[in-house]
């Protein structure tokens, strides 16, 4: 299993190589950057010579729902109190109804009121939290019975073991790579 920060660095390196070769799909991925969001194909091609690895790191981080590479790195390394947690746990194909909460404390109280453990998986979407069930976790390509869930206390936003959350991030990225 690859370290999630390393995984994104490799993705950025591959993106950079493809941008340098003027690959149309790679150039279109640069629209993740705020300064190129509205760029047409000609503008993207014109911007390509000025694209550096740092731009590709930022683009890859944004594809994972982080506002910057630095914020992605902090979350993926398991930094307690990371300012955001990305969107890796919720995709276009999520399609299920979950319990969303304004605060972590409300979500935690909801889980604790449920009858049996694991009562739910407290997951994150950017700055928000939601509680999902085993089927949703499995739909992400993650094993709901993975011991890392217990290690984090089934709480992605405030994990008991940040290193375990890092391993789960790595497993999620690997699952996403398998779908690509």
N, C-alpha and C. Protein backbone atom coordinates (compact mmCIF):
# COMPACT_ATOMS: atom_id res chain seq x y z
N UNK A 1 0.85 -1.18 0.00
CA UNK A 1 0.00 0.00 0.00
C UNK A 1 0.90 1.24 0.00
N UNK A 2 0.59 2.16 -0.89
CA UNK A 2 1.40 3.36 -1.03
C UNK A 2 0.92 4.44 -0.07
N UNK A 3 1.88 5.18 0.46
CA UNK A 3 1.58 6.34 1.29
C UNK A 3 0.73 7.31 0.47
N UNK A 4 -0.37 7.86 1.03
CA UNK A 4 -1.26 8.71 0.23
C UNK A 4 -0.60 9.99 -0.28
N UNK A 5 0.32 10.56 0.48
CA UNK A 5 1.02 11.76 0.00
C UNK A 5 1.89 11.39 -1.20
N UNK A 6 2.58 10.28 -1.09
CA UNK A 6 3.41 9.81 -2.20
C UNK A 6 2.56 9.53 -3.44
N UNK A 7 1.39 8.93 -3.21
CA UNK A 7 0.46 8.63 -4.32
C UNK A 7 0.11 9.91 -5.08
N UNK A 8 -0.24 10.96 -4.36
CA UNK A 8 -0.61 12.21 -5.03
C UNK A 8 0.60 12.87 -5.69
N UNK A 9 1.78 12.72 -5.10
CA UNK A 9 2.98 13.26 -5.73
C UNK A 9 3.24 12.56 -7.07
N UNK A 10 3.04 11.26 -7.10
CA UNK A 10 3.22 10.50 -8.34
C UNK A 10 2.18 10.92 -9.37
N UNK A 11 0.93 11.09 -8.92
CA UNK A 11 -0.11 11.54 -9.84
C UNK A 11 0.25 12.90 -10.43
N UNK A 12 0.79 13.79 -9.59
CA UNK A 12 1.18 15.12 -10.07
C UNK A 12 2.34 15.02 -11.06
N UNK A 13 3.28 14.14 -10.78
CA UNK A 13 4.42 13.94 -11.68
C UNK A 13 3.93 13.44 -13.04
N UNK A 14 3.02 12.48 -13.03
CA UNK A 14 2.48 11.96 -14.28
C UNK A 14 1.70 13.04 -15.03
N UNK A 15 0.92 13.82 -14.29
CA UNK A 15 0.17 14.91 -14.91
C UNK A 15 1.14 15.91 -15.54
N UNK A 16 2.20 16.25 -14.83
CA UNK A 16 3.17 17.22 -15.34
C UNK A 16 3.81 16.72 -16.64
N UNK A 17 4.17 15.45 -16.67
CA UNK A 17 4.76 14.87 -17.88
C UNK A 17 3.78 14.96 -19.04
N UNK A 18 2.54 14.66 -18.78
CA UNK A 18 1.53 14.70 -19.84
C UNK A 18 1.24 16.13 -20.29
N UNK A 19 1.26 17.08 -19.35
CA UNK A 19 1.07 18.49 -19.71
C UNK A 19 2.22 18.95 -20.60
N UNK A 20 3.44 18.56 -20.24
CA UNK A 20 4.61 18.94 -21.05
C UNK A 20 4.52 18.41 -22.47
N UNK A 21 3.84 17.26 -22.64
CA UNK A 21 3.68 16.70 -23.98
C UNK A 21 2.41 17.22 -24.66
N UNK A 22 1.74 18.14 -24.01
CA UNK A 22 0.52 18.81 -24.54
C UNK A 22 -0.64 17.84 -24.72
N UNK A 23 -0.71 16.82 -23.88
CA UNK A 23 -1.84 15.88 -23.90
C UNK A 23 -3.13 16.64 -23.58
N UNK A 24 -4.12 16.53 -24.43
CA UNK A 24 -5.36 17.31 -24.29
C UNK A 24 -6.09 17.00 -22.98
N UNK A 25 -6.15 15.73 -22.61
CA UNK A 25 -6.84 15.36 -21.37
C UNK A 25 -6.11 15.94 -20.16
N UNK A 26 -4.80 15.87 -20.16
CA UNK A 26 -4.01 16.43 -19.06
C UNK A 26 -4.19 17.94 -18.99
N UNK A 27 -4.16 18.60 -20.14
CA UNK A 27 -4.37 20.05 -20.15
C UNK A 27 -5.74 20.41 -19.58
N UNK A 28 -6.75 19.63 -19.91
CA UNK A 28 -8.09 19.93 -19.40
C UNK A 28 -8.16 19.76 -17.88
N UNK A 29 -7.34 18.88 -17.33
CA UNK A 29 -7.31 18.71 -15.87
C UNK A 29 -6.78 19.95 -15.16
N UNK A 30 -6.05 20.78 -15.88
CA UNK A 30 -5.54 22.02 -15.29
C UNK A 30 -6.66 23.00 -14.96
N UNK A 31 -7.85 22.74 -15.47
CA UNK A 31 -8.99 23.60 -15.12
C UNK A 31 -9.36 23.48 -13.64
N UNK A 32 -8.77 22.53 -12.95
CA UNK A 32 -8.97 22.45 -11.50
C UNK A 32 -8.34 23.65 -10.81
N UNK A 33 -7.38 24.28 -11.46
CA UNK A 33 -6.71 25.45 -10.90
C UNK A 33 -7.60 26.68 -11.10
N UNK A 34 -7.78 27.48 -10.07
CA UNK A 34 -8.67 28.65 -10.19
C UNK A 34 -8.31 29.57 -11.36
N UNK A 35 -7.02 29.77 -11.60
CA UNK A 35 -6.61 30.69 -12.67
C UNK A 35 -6.88 30.14 -14.07
N UNK A 36 -7.15 28.84 -14.18
CA UNK A 36 -7.42 28.24 -15.49
C UNK A 36 -8.83 27.65 -15.59
N UNK A 37 -9.64 27.91 -14.60
CA UNK A 37 -10.98 27.31 -14.55
C UNK A 37 -11.78 27.55 -15.82
N UNK A 38 -11.71 28.74 -16.37
CA UNK A 38 -12.52 29.09 -17.53
C UNK A 38 -11.72 29.09 -18.85
N UNK A 39 -10.53 28.55 -18.82
CA UNK A 39 -9.67 28.57 -20.00
C UNK A 39 -10.18 27.63 -21.08
N UNK A 40 -10.12 28.08 -22.31
CA UNK A 40 -10.47 27.19 -23.42
C UNK A 40 -9.22 26.38 -23.80
N UNK A 41 -9.36 25.52 -24.78
CA UNK A 41 -8.25 24.64 -25.16
C UNK A 41 -7.01 25.43 -25.59
N UNK A 42 -7.22 26.50 -26.33
CA UNK A 42 -6.09 27.31 -26.80
C UNK A 42 -5.36 27.96 -25.62
N UNK A 43 -6.12 28.45 -24.67
CA UNK A 43 -5.52 29.09 -23.49
C UNK A 43 -4.77 28.06 -22.64
N UNK A 44 -5.31 26.86 -22.54
CA UNK A 44 -4.63 25.80 -21.79
C UNK A 44 -3.31 25.43 -22.47
N UNK A 45 -3.34 25.30 -23.78
CA UNK A 45 -2.12 24.98 -24.52
C UNK A 45 -1.08 26.09 -24.38
N UNK A 46 -1.54 27.33 -24.37
CA UNK A 46 -0.63 28.46 -24.21
C UNK A 46 -0.03 28.50 -22.80
N UNK A 47 -0.78 28.04 -21.82
CA UNK A 47 -0.32 28.04 -20.43
C UNK A 47 0.65 26.90 -20.14
N UNK A 48 0.62 25.86 -20.94
CA UNK A 48 1.40 24.64 -20.68
C UNK A 48 2.88 24.88 -20.41
N UNK A 49 3.57 25.72 -21.18
CA UNK A 49 5.01 25.90 -20.91
C UNK A 49 5.31 26.48 -19.53
N UNK A 50 4.37 27.20 -18.96
CA UNK A 50 4.59 27.79 -17.64
C UNK A 50 4.15 26.92 -16.47
N UNK A 51 3.61 25.76 -16.77
CA UNK A 51 3.12 24.88 -15.71
C UNK A 51 4.30 24.17 -15.07
N UNK A 52 4.37 24.25 -13.77
CA UNK A 52 5.42 23.61 -12.98
C UNK A 52 4.81 22.50 -12.14
N UNK A 53 5.67 21.74 -11.50
CA UNK A 53 5.19 20.63 -10.66
C UNK A 53 4.24 21.13 -9.57
N UNK A 54 4.52 22.30 -9.00
CA UNK A 54 3.66 22.83 -7.94
C UNK A 54 2.23 23.05 -8.45
N UNK A 55 2.08 23.43 -9.72
CA UNK A 55 0.75 23.60 -10.28
C UNK A 55 0.04 22.25 -10.40
N UNK A 56 0.80 21.24 -10.78
CA UNK A 56 0.22 19.89 -10.91
C UNK A 56 -0.14 19.33 -9.54
N UNK A 57 0.69 19.59 -8.53
CA UNK A 57 0.35 19.18 -7.16
C UNK A 57 -0.96 19.84 -6.73
N UNK A 58 -1.11 21.13 -7.02
CA UNK A 58 -2.34 21.84 -6.66
C UNK A 58 -3.54 21.27 -7.41
N UNK A 59 -3.36 20.95 -8.71
CA UNK A 59 -4.46 20.40 -9.50
C UNK A 59 -4.90 19.04 -8.96
N UNK A 60 -3.95 18.19 -8.65
CA UNK A 60 -4.26 16.86 -8.12
C UNK A 60 -4.94 16.98 -6.76
N UNK A 61 -4.46 17.89 -5.93
CA UNK A 61 -5.10 18.11 -4.62
C UNK A 61 -6.54 18.57 -4.80
N UNK A 62 -6.77 19.48 -5.74
CA UNK A 62 -8.13 19.97 -5.99
C UNK A 62 -9.03 18.86 -6.52
N UNK A 63 -8.48 17.95 -7.32
CA UNK A 63 -9.28 16.82 -7.81
C UNK A 63 -9.75 15.94 -6.66
N UNK A 64 -9.02 15.97 -5.56
CA UNK A 64 -9.39 15.19 -4.37
C UNK A 64 -10.19 16.02 -3.38
N UNK A 65 -10.56 17.23 -3.78
CA UNK A 65 -11.43 18.05 -2.96
C UNK A 65 -10.74 18.94 -1.94
N UNK A 66 -9.45 19.13 -2.06
CA UNK A 66 -8.72 20.02 -1.17
C UNK A 66 -8.51 21.36 -1.87
N UNK A 67 -8.42 22.44 -1.11
CA UNK A 67 -8.24 23.75 -1.73
C UNK A 67 -6.79 24.03 -2.10
N UNK A 68 -5.87 23.25 -1.57
CA UNK A 68 -4.45 23.45 -1.90
C UNK A 68 -3.67 22.17 -1.64
N UNK A 69 -2.47 22.13 -2.21
CA UNK A 69 -1.59 20.99 -1.97
C UNK A 69 -1.24 20.90 -0.48
N UNK A 70 -0.93 22.03 0.11
CA UNK A 70 -0.54 22.03 1.53
C UNK A 70 -1.65 21.46 2.41
N UNK A 71 -2.88 21.83 2.14
CA UNK A 71 -4.00 21.30 2.94
C UNK A 71 -4.19 19.80 2.70
N UNK A 72 -4.00 19.37 1.47
CA UNK A 72 -4.08 17.93 1.18
C UNK A 72 -2.99 17.18 1.93
N UNK A 73 -1.78 17.69 1.84
CA UNK A 73 -0.66 17.02 2.52
C UNK A 73 -0.92 16.92 4.02
N UNK A 74 -1.39 17.99 4.63
CA UNK A 74 -1.64 17.98 6.08
C UNK A 74 -2.70 16.94 6.45
N UNK A 75 -3.77 16.87 5.68
CA UNK A 75 -4.83 15.90 5.98
C UNK A 75 -4.35 14.47 5.74
N UNK A 76 -3.69 14.25 4.62
CA UNK A 76 -3.25 12.89 4.28
C UNK A 76 -2.16 12.38 5.22
N UNK A 77 -1.38 13.28 5.78
CA UNK A 77 -0.36 12.87 6.75
C UNK A 77 -0.96 12.65 8.13
N UNK A 78 -2.25 12.93 8.29
CA UNK A 78 -2.92 12.67 9.56
C UNK A 78 -2.76 13.77 10.59
N UNK A 79 -2.44 14.97 10.15
CA UNK A 79 -2.27 16.07 11.08
C UNK A 79 -3.56 16.31 11.86
N UNK A 80 -3.49 16.25 13.19
CA UNK A 80 -4.68 16.55 13.98
C UNK A 80 -5.14 17.99 13.70
N UNK A 81 -6.41 18.17 13.55
CA UNK A 81 -6.95 19.50 13.30
C UNK A 81 -6.68 20.01 11.89
N UNK A 82 -6.42 19.11 10.95
CA UNK A 82 -6.23 19.54 9.56
C UNK A 82 -7.44 20.38 9.16
N UNK A 83 -7.22 21.50 8.46
CA UNK A 83 -8.31 22.44 8.19
C UNK A 83 -9.40 21.91 7.26
N UNK A 84 -9.12 20.89 6.49
CA UNK A 84 -10.15 20.29 5.64
C UNK A 84 -9.75 18.85 5.34
N UNK A 85 -10.72 18.06 4.94
CA UNK A 85 -10.47 16.63 4.75
C UNK A 85 -10.80 16.15 3.34
N UNK A 86 -11.02 17.07 2.41
CA UNK A 86 -11.23 16.69 1.03
C UNK A 86 -12.60 16.10 0.75
N UNK A 87 -12.73 15.57 -0.46
CA UNK A 87 -14.00 14.99 -0.89
C UNK A 87 -13.85 13.54 -1.31
N UNK A 88 -12.78 12.90 -0.92
CA UNK A 88 -12.52 11.52 -1.34
C UNK A 88 -13.57 10.53 -0.85
N UNK A 89 -14.31 10.90 0.19
CA UNK A 89 -15.27 9.98 0.75
C UNK A 89 -16.68 10.20 0.22
N UNK A 90 -16.79 11.00 -0.80
CA UNK A 90 -18.12 11.26 -1.35
C UNK A 90 -17.96 11.62 -2.80
N UNK A 91 -18.48 10.79 -3.67
CA UNK A 91 -18.33 11.03 -5.10
C UNK A 91 -19.66 11.18 -5.79
N UNK A 92 -19.59 11.37 -7.09
CA UNK A 92 -20.80 11.54 -7.90
C UNK A 92 -21.70 10.31 -7.82
N UNK A 93 -21.09 9.15 -7.62
CA UNK A 93 -21.86 7.91 -7.61
C UNK A 93 -22.30 7.51 -6.20
N UNK A 94 -22.21 8.44 -5.24
CA UNK A 94 -22.54 8.12 -3.85
C UNK A 94 -23.99 7.66 -3.73
N UNK A 95 -24.91 8.41 -4.28
CA UNK A 95 -26.29 8.02 -4.42
C UNK A 95 -27.06 7.56 -3.20
N UNK A 96 -26.56 7.67 -2.02
CA UNK A 96 -27.28 7.20 -0.84
C UNK A 96 -27.61 8.38 0.07
N UNK A 97 -28.64 8.21 0.85
CA UNK A 97 -29.03 9.23 1.81
C UNK A 97 -28.26 8.97 3.11
N UNK A 98 -27.66 10.00 3.62
CA UNK A 98 -26.89 9.90 4.86
C UNK A 98 -27.38 10.94 5.83
N UNK A 99 -26.94 10.82 7.05
CA UNK A 99 -27.25 11.82 8.07
C UNK A 99 -26.12 12.84 8.07
N UNK A 100 -26.45 14.07 7.70
CA UNK A 100 -25.47 15.15 7.66
C UNK A 100 -25.62 16.01 8.91
N UNK A 101 -24.50 16.54 9.39
CA UNK A 101 -24.51 17.33 10.62
C UNK A 101 -23.70 18.60 10.46
N UNK A 102 -24.14 19.63 11.17
CA UNK A 102 -23.44 20.91 11.14
C UNK A 102 -22.15 20.85 11.93
N UNK A 103 -22.13 20.03 12.97
CA UNK A 103 -20.93 19.95 13.80
C UNK A 103 -20.54 18.50 14.06
N UNK A 104 -19.29 18.33 14.39
CA UNK A 104 -18.79 17.01 14.73
C UNK A 104 -19.49 16.49 15.99
N UNK A 105 -19.70 17.34 16.96
CA UNK A 105 -20.34 16.92 18.21
C UNK A 105 -21.75 16.38 17.97
N UNK A 106 -22.50 17.02 17.07
CA UNK A 106 -23.85 16.51 16.75
C UNK A 106 -23.76 15.13 16.11
N UNK A 107 -22.83 14.96 15.20
CA UNK A 107 -22.66 13.66 14.53
C UNK A 107 -22.25 12.60 15.54
N UNK A 108 -21.34 12.93 16.42
CA UNK A 108 -20.87 11.98 17.44
C UNK A 108 -22.03 11.57 18.35
N UNK A 109 -22.86 12.53 18.76
CA UNK A 109 -24.02 12.23 19.61
C UNK A 109 -24.99 11.31 18.88
N UNK A 110 -25.19 11.54 17.59
CA UNK A 110 -26.08 10.68 16.80
C UNK A 110 -25.57 9.25 16.80
N UNK A 111 -24.27 9.08 16.54
CA UNK A 111 -23.69 7.74 16.50
C UNK A 111 -23.82 7.06 17.85
N UNK A 112 -23.53 7.77 18.90
CA UNK A 112 -23.57 7.17 20.24
C UNK A 112 -24.98 6.75 20.64
N UNK A 113 -26.00 7.38 20.03
CA UNK A 113 -27.39 7.04 20.34
C UNK A 113 -27.87 5.80 19.58
N UNK A 114 -27.12 5.36 18.59
CA UNK A 114 -27.51 4.18 17.82
C UNK A 114 -27.24 2.92 18.64
N UNK A 115 -28.04 1.87 18.41
CA UNK A 115 -28.01 0.70 19.30
C UNK A 115 -26.78 -0.20 19.27
N UNK A 116 -26.11 -0.40 18.17
CA UNK A 116 -25.02 -1.36 18.16
C UNK A 116 -23.79 -0.85 17.42
N UNK A 117 -22.64 -1.39 17.78
CA UNK A 117 -21.39 -0.97 17.16
C UNK A 117 -21.02 -1.94 16.04
N UNK A 118 -20.41 -1.53 14.93
CA UNK A 118 -20.24 -0.12 14.66
C UNK A 118 -21.57 0.53 14.33
N UNK A 119 -21.84 1.62 14.95
CA UNK A 119 -23.13 2.29 14.83
C UNK A 119 -23.24 3.08 13.54
N UNK A 120 -22.15 3.35 12.96
CA UNK A 120 -22.08 4.13 11.74
C UNK A 120 -20.66 4.61 11.57
N UNK A 121 -20.39 5.13 10.42
CA UNK A 121 -19.06 5.62 10.09
C UNK A 121 -19.17 7.13 9.96
N UNK A 122 -18.48 7.85 10.84
CA UNK A 122 -18.50 9.30 10.79
C UNK A 122 -17.46 9.72 9.76
N UNK A 123 -17.94 10.21 8.62
CA UNK A 123 -17.07 10.55 7.49
C UNK A 123 -17.05 12.05 7.27
N UNK A 124 -16.16 12.49 6.42
CA UNK A 124 -15.98 13.91 6.18
C UNK A 124 -16.12 14.25 4.71
N UNK A 125 -16.64 15.43 4.47
CA UNK A 125 -16.71 16.02 3.14
C UNK A 125 -16.30 17.47 3.31
N UNK A 126 -15.09 17.79 2.91
CA UNK A 126 -14.50 19.11 3.13
C UNK A 126 -14.52 19.44 4.61
N UNK A 127 -15.38 20.40 5.01
CA UNK A 127 -15.48 20.81 6.42
C UNK A 127 -16.70 20.19 7.10
N UNK A 128 -17.46 19.40 6.39
CA UNK A 128 -18.70 18.85 6.90
C UNK A 128 -18.52 17.41 7.35
N UNK A 129 -19.47 16.93 8.13
CA UNK A 129 -19.44 15.54 8.57
C UNK A 129 -20.78 14.89 8.28
N UNK A 130 -20.72 13.60 8.01
CA UNK A 130 -21.94 12.83 7.80
C UNK A 130 -21.71 11.42 8.31
N UNK A 131 -22.81 10.75 8.61
CA UNK A 131 -22.74 9.38 9.10
C UNK A 131 -23.29 8.47 8.02
N UNK A 132 -22.50 7.47 7.66
CA UNK A 132 -22.86 6.53 6.60
C UNK A 132 -22.85 5.11 7.16
N UNK A 133 -23.41 4.21 6.39
CA UNK A 133 -23.47 2.81 6.83
C UNK A 133 -22.41 1.97 6.13
N UNK A 134 -22.38 0.70 6.47
CA UNK A 134 -21.39 -0.24 5.93
C UNK A 134 -21.44 -0.32 4.40
N UNK A 135 -22.66 -0.32 3.86
CA UNK A 135 -22.81 -0.44 2.41
C UNK A 135 -22.16 0.75 1.70
N UNK A 136 -22.30 1.93 2.27
CA UNK A 136 -21.68 3.10 1.65
C UNK A 136 -20.16 2.99 1.71
N UNK A 137 -19.63 2.57 2.84
CA UNK A 137 -18.18 2.40 2.98
C UNK A 137 -17.69 1.40 1.94
N UNK A 138 -18.41 0.31 1.76
CA UNK A 138 -18.04 -0.69 0.76
C UNK A 138 -18.11 -0.11 -0.66
N UNK A 139 -19.09 0.79 -0.91
CA UNK A 139 -19.21 1.40 -2.23
C UNK A 139 -18.02 2.30 -2.56
N UNK A 140 -17.29 2.73 -1.54
CA UNK A 140 -16.09 3.54 -1.74
C UNK A 140 -14.88 2.67 -2.07
N UNK A 141 -15.08 1.36 -2.05
CA UNK A 141 -13.97 0.45 -2.29
C UNK A 141 -13.18 0.16 -1.02
N UNK A 142 -13.76 0.48 0.12
CA UNK A 142 -13.12 0.24 1.41
C UNK A 142 -13.81 -0.91 2.12
N UNK A 143 -13.06 -1.66 2.87
CA UNK A 143 -13.60 -2.78 3.64
C UNK A 143 -14.19 -2.24 4.94
N UNK A 144 -15.50 -2.39 5.14
CA UNK A 144 -16.11 -1.89 6.38
C UNK A 144 -15.58 -2.59 7.63
N UNK A 145 -14.96 -3.76 7.46
CA UNK A 145 -14.41 -4.50 8.60
C UNK A 145 -12.90 -4.32 8.76
N UNK A 146 -12.33 -3.42 7.99
CA UNK A 146 -10.89 -3.14 8.10
C UNK A 146 -10.58 -2.71 9.53
N UNK A 147 -9.57 -3.28 10.17
CA UNK A 147 -9.24 -2.91 11.55
C UNK A 147 -8.90 -1.42 11.71
N UNK A 148 -8.53 -0.75 10.63
CA UNK A 148 -8.24 0.67 10.73
C UNK A 148 -9.47 1.49 11.09
N UNK A 149 -10.67 1.00 10.77
CA UNK A 149 -11.88 1.72 11.18
C UNK A 149 -11.99 1.74 12.70
N UNK A 150 -11.74 0.59 13.30
CA UNK A 150 -11.77 0.54 14.76
C UNK A 150 -10.66 1.41 15.34
N UNK A 151 -9.49 1.39 14.70
CA UNK A 151 -8.36 2.19 15.18
C UNK A 151 -8.68 3.69 15.18
N UNK A 152 -9.46 4.15 14.21
CA UNK A 152 -9.82 5.57 14.19
C UNK A 152 -11.09 5.84 14.99
N UNK A 153 -11.69 4.79 15.55
CA UNK A 153 -12.93 4.96 16.31
C UNK A 153 -14.11 5.23 15.40
N UNK A 154 -14.06 4.75 14.16
CA UNK A 154 -15.07 4.96 13.13
C UNK A 154 -15.32 6.45 12.91
N UNK A 155 -14.31 7.26 13.16
CA UNK A 155 -14.44 8.72 13.10
C UNK A 155 -13.32 9.30 12.22
N UNK A 156 -13.65 9.59 10.98
CA UNK A 156 -12.67 10.11 10.03
C UNK A 156 -12.23 11.52 10.41
N UNK A 157 -13.16 12.32 10.90
CA UNK A 157 -12.87 13.73 11.16
C UNK A 157 -11.94 13.93 12.36
N UNK A 158 -12.11 13.12 13.38
CA UNK A 158 -11.26 13.21 14.58
C UNK A 158 -10.81 11.80 14.96
N UNK A 159 -9.91 11.25 14.18
CA UNK A 159 -9.51 9.86 14.40
C UNK A 159 -8.72 9.66 15.69
N UNK A 160 -9.00 8.55 16.36
CA UNK A 160 -8.21 8.19 17.54
C UNK A 160 -6.77 7.91 17.13
N UNK A 161 -6.58 7.38 15.94
CA UNK A 161 -5.25 7.06 15.42
C UNK A 161 -5.10 7.69 14.04
N UNK A 162 -4.49 8.88 13.94
CA UNK A 162 -4.34 9.54 12.64
C UNK A 162 -3.59 8.71 11.60
N UNK A 163 -2.65 7.88 12.03
CA UNK A 163 -1.92 7.03 11.08
C UNK A 163 -2.86 6.03 10.43
N UNK A 164 -3.84 5.55 11.19
CA UNK A 164 -4.82 4.61 10.62
C UNK A 164 -5.67 5.32 9.57
N UNK A 165 -6.02 6.60 9.83
CA UNK A 165 -6.77 7.34 8.81
C UNK A 165 -5.92 7.50 7.56
N UNK A 166 -4.63 7.73 7.73
CA UNK A 166 -3.73 7.83 6.58
C UNK A 166 -3.74 6.55 5.76
N UNK A 167 -3.77 5.42 6.44
CA UNK A 167 -3.81 4.14 5.72
C UNK A 167 -5.15 4.00 4.97
N UNK A 168 -6.24 4.46 5.59
CA UNK A 168 -7.54 4.40 4.92
C UNK A 168 -7.57 5.35 3.72
N UNK A 169 -6.96 6.52 3.85
CA UNK A 169 -6.85 7.42 2.69
C UNK A 169 -6.12 6.69 1.56
N UNK A 170 -5.03 6.01 1.89
CA UNK A 170 -4.25 5.29 0.88
C UNK A 170 -5.10 4.21 0.22
N UNK A 171 -5.90 3.51 1.00
CA UNK A 171 -6.76 2.46 0.46
C UNK A 171 -7.84 3.06 -0.44
N UNK A 172 -8.35 4.22 -0.06
CA UNK A 172 -9.37 4.89 -0.89
C UNK A 172 -8.76 5.33 -2.22
N UNK A 173 -7.58 5.91 -2.17
CA UNK A 173 -6.91 6.32 -3.40
C UNK A 173 -6.63 5.11 -4.30
N UNK A 174 -6.23 4.01 -3.70
CA UNK A 174 -5.99 2.79 -4.48
C UNK A 174 -7.29 2.29 -5.12
N UNK A 175 -8.39 2.37 -4.38
CA UNK A 175 -9.68 1.95 -4.92
C UNK A 175 -10.10 2.86 -6.09
N UNK A 176 -9.84 4.15 -5.93
CA UNK A 176 -10.17 5.09 -7.01
C UNK A 176 -9.29 4.83 -8.24
N UNK A 177 -8.05 4.51 -8.02
CA UNK A 177 -7.13 4.21 -9.12
C UNK A 177 -7.62 2.98 -9.88
N UNK A 178 -8.17 2.02 -9.17
CA UNK A 178 -8.68 0.80 -9.79
C UNK A 178 -9.90 1.06 -10.67
N UNK A 179 -10.66 2.13 -10.36
CA UNK A 179 -11.86 2.46 -11.15
C UNK A 179 -11.52 3.30 -12.38
N UNK A 180 -10.36 3.93 -12.35
CA UNK A 180 -10.00 4.85 -13.45
C UNK A 180 -9.63 4.11 -14.71
